[in-house]
Amino acid sequence: MLAVLLLNAAIAVVSGASCLVGLVRPRLALPAGELPSAGSMFFLGAYAARALPLSLVTLTVLAVGSTAAIVPLLVVSGAAQLWDAALGARQRNWPMAVTCVGLAAVHLATAAWLPFH
């Protein structure tokens, strides 16, 4: 069980860190060949406004270990990752889309598995 919780914590760290990287180095977050614009910078800021607090709350709840809070939070985190995957696909940023689907799968599978263990 500890390994599963640590994996979810690592995903929360990756999500939070990726939004920080996108703010500092926007070209890394954009599809290949796209230059940063006012619209893309707004998007990156909006992503950070959601991803950073959600990552911090996820890490905190996982550290505290409240099963009653972990399951719904992992569902919300998984849903957020699926939304990020959809945004990545819409921008044709396939590495983002595929990565987010994988991260969502871990969060959602853990949320489904945890109540039985």
Protein backbone atom coordinates (compact mmCIF):
# COMPACT_ATOMS: atom_id res chain seq x y z
CA MET A 1 0.00 0.00 0.00
CA LEU A 2 2.86 2.39 0.78
CA ALA A 3 4.25 1.90 -2.73
CA VAL A 4 0.89 2.83 -4.28
CA LEU A 5 0.62 5.97 -2.16
CA LEU A 6 4.21 6.94 -2.99
CA LEU A 7 3.50 6.46 -6.70
CA ASN A 8 0.51 8.81 -6.42
CA ALA A 9 2.64 11.29 -4.49
CA ALA A 10 5.28 11.15 -7.24
CA ILE A 11 2.57 11.88 -9.82
CA ALA A 12 1.42 14.90 -7.80
CA VAL A 13 5.03 16.14 -7.73
CA VAL A 14 5.39 15.61 -11.51
CA SER A 15 2.16 17.51 -12.16
CA GLY A 16 3.16 20.44 -9.96
CA ALA A 17 6.71 20.54 -11.30
CA SER A 18 5.59 20.38 -14.93
CA CYS A 19 3.43 23.46 -14.53
CA LEU A 20 6.33 25.33 -12.94
CA VAL A 21 8.59 24.31 -15.82
CA GLY A 22 5.93 25.54 -18.25
CA LEU A 23 5.83 28.92 -16.53
CA VAL A 24 9.61 29.30 -16.46
CA ARG A 25 10.31 27.76 -19.89
CA PRO A 26 7.07 28.06 -21.89
CA ARG A 27 8.50 26.50 -25.05
CA LEU A 28 8.84 23.19 -23.21
CA ALA A 29 5.10 23.13 -22.56
CA LEU A 30 4.02 24.10 -26.07
CA PRO A 31 3.74 21.90 -29.15
CA ALA A 32 6.91 21.73 -31.23
CA GLY A 33 7.42 24.87 -33.28
CA GLU A 34 4.82 26.98 -31.46
CA LEU A 35 6.09 30.23 -30.02
CA PRO A 36 4.81 31.60 -26.71
CA SER A 37 1.97 34.08 -27.13
CA ALA A 38 -0.29 36.01 -24.79
CA GLY A 39 -2.88 33.23 -25.13
CA SER A 40 -0.45 30.41 -24.41
CA MET A 41 0.98 32.27 -21.42
CA PHE A 42 -2.56 32.74 -20.08
CA PHE A 43 -3.16 29.01 -20.56
CA LEU A 44 0.05 28.13 -18.70
CA GLY A 45 -0.88 30.47 -15.85
CA ALA A 46 -4.36 29.01 -15.62
CA TYR A 47 -2.90 25.50 -15.62
CA ALA A 48 -0.56 26.46 -12.78
CA ALA A 49 -3.43 28.01 -10.81
CA ARG A 50 -5.12 24.59 -10.83
CA ALA A 51 -2.18 22.20 -10.83
CA LEU A 52 -0.09 23.69 -8.01
CA PRO A 53 -2.82 23.79 -5.33
CA LEU A 54 -4.15 20.37 -6.36
CA SER A 55 -0.65 18.90 -6.20
CA LEU A 56 -0.02 20.39 -2.77
CA VAL A 57 -3.36 19.23 -1.39
CA THR A 58 -2.81 15.75 -2.83
CA LEU A 59 0.62 15.50 -1.23
CA THR A 60 -0.74 16.72 2.10
CA VAL A 61 -3.67 14.29 2.14
CA LEU A 62 -1.45 11.38 1.11
CA ALA A 63 1.00 12.27 3.90
CA VAL A 64 -1.78 12.47 6.50
CA GLY A 65 -3.20 9.16 5.30
CA SER A 66 -6.91 9.84 5.62
CA THR A 67 -8.52 7.16 3.45
CA ALA A 68 -11.82 9.02 3.52
CA ALA A 69 -10.12 12.03 1.89
CA ILE A 70 -7.64 10.18 -0.34
CA VAL A 71 -10.19 8.40 -2.53
CA PRO A 72 -12.24 11.46 -3.58
CA LEU A 73 -9.08 13.53 -4.00
CA LEU A 74 -7.56 10.89 -6.29
CA VAL A 75 -10.76 10.90 -8.35
CA VAL A 76 -10.52 14.70 -8.69
CA SER A 77 -6.81 14.47 -9.51
CA GLY A 78 -7.46 11.76 -12.09
CA ALA A 79 -10.24 13.81 -13.67
CA ALA A 80 -7.93 16.83 -13.84
CA GLN A 81 -5.30 14.70 -15.58
CA LEU A 82 -7.89 13.49 -18.10
CA TRP A 83 -8.84 17.11 -18.81
CA ASP A 84 -5.15 17.93 -19.27
CA ALA A 85 -4.89 14.99 -21.69
CA ALA A 86 -7.83 16.37 -23.68
CA LEU A 87 -6.20 19.80 -23.81
CA GLY A 88 -2.92 18.23 -24.92
CA ALA A 89 -4.70 16.30 -27.68
CA ARG A 90 -6.53 19.44 -28.80
CA GLN A 91 -3.18 21.23 -29.10
CA ARG A 92 -1.69 18.18 -30.81
CA ASN A 93 0.80 17.97 -27.96
CA TRP A 94 0.85 14.16 -27.99
CA PRO A 95 3.52 13.65 -25.30
CA MET A 96 1.39 15.72 -22.91
CA ALA A 97 -1.79 13.88 -23.86
CA VAL A 98 -0.30 10.40 -23.47
CA THR A 99 1.49 11.23 -20.23
CA CYS A 100 -1.64 12.70 -18.68
CA VAL A 101 -3.70 9.63 -19.61
CA GLY A 102 -1.14 7.43 -17.85
CA LEU A 103 -1.08 9.64 -14.76
CA ALA A 104 -4.88 9.71 -14.67
CA ALA A 105 -4.99 5.92 -14.93
CA VAL A 106 -2.80 5.57 -11.82
CA HIS A 107 -4.87 8.04 -9.78
CA LEU A 108 -8.20 6.52 -10.84
CA ALA A 109 -7.06 2.91 -10.46
CA THR A 110 -5.76 3.70 -6.98
CA ALA A 111 -9.05 5.37 -6.07
CA ALA A 112 -10.91 2.24 -7.19
CA TRP A 113 -8.47 -0.15 -5.48
CA LEU A 114 -7.91 1.64 -2.17
CA PRO A 115 -11.31 1.07 -0.51
CA PHE A 116 -10.79 -2.69 -0.79
CA HIS A 117 -7.35 -2.71 0.86
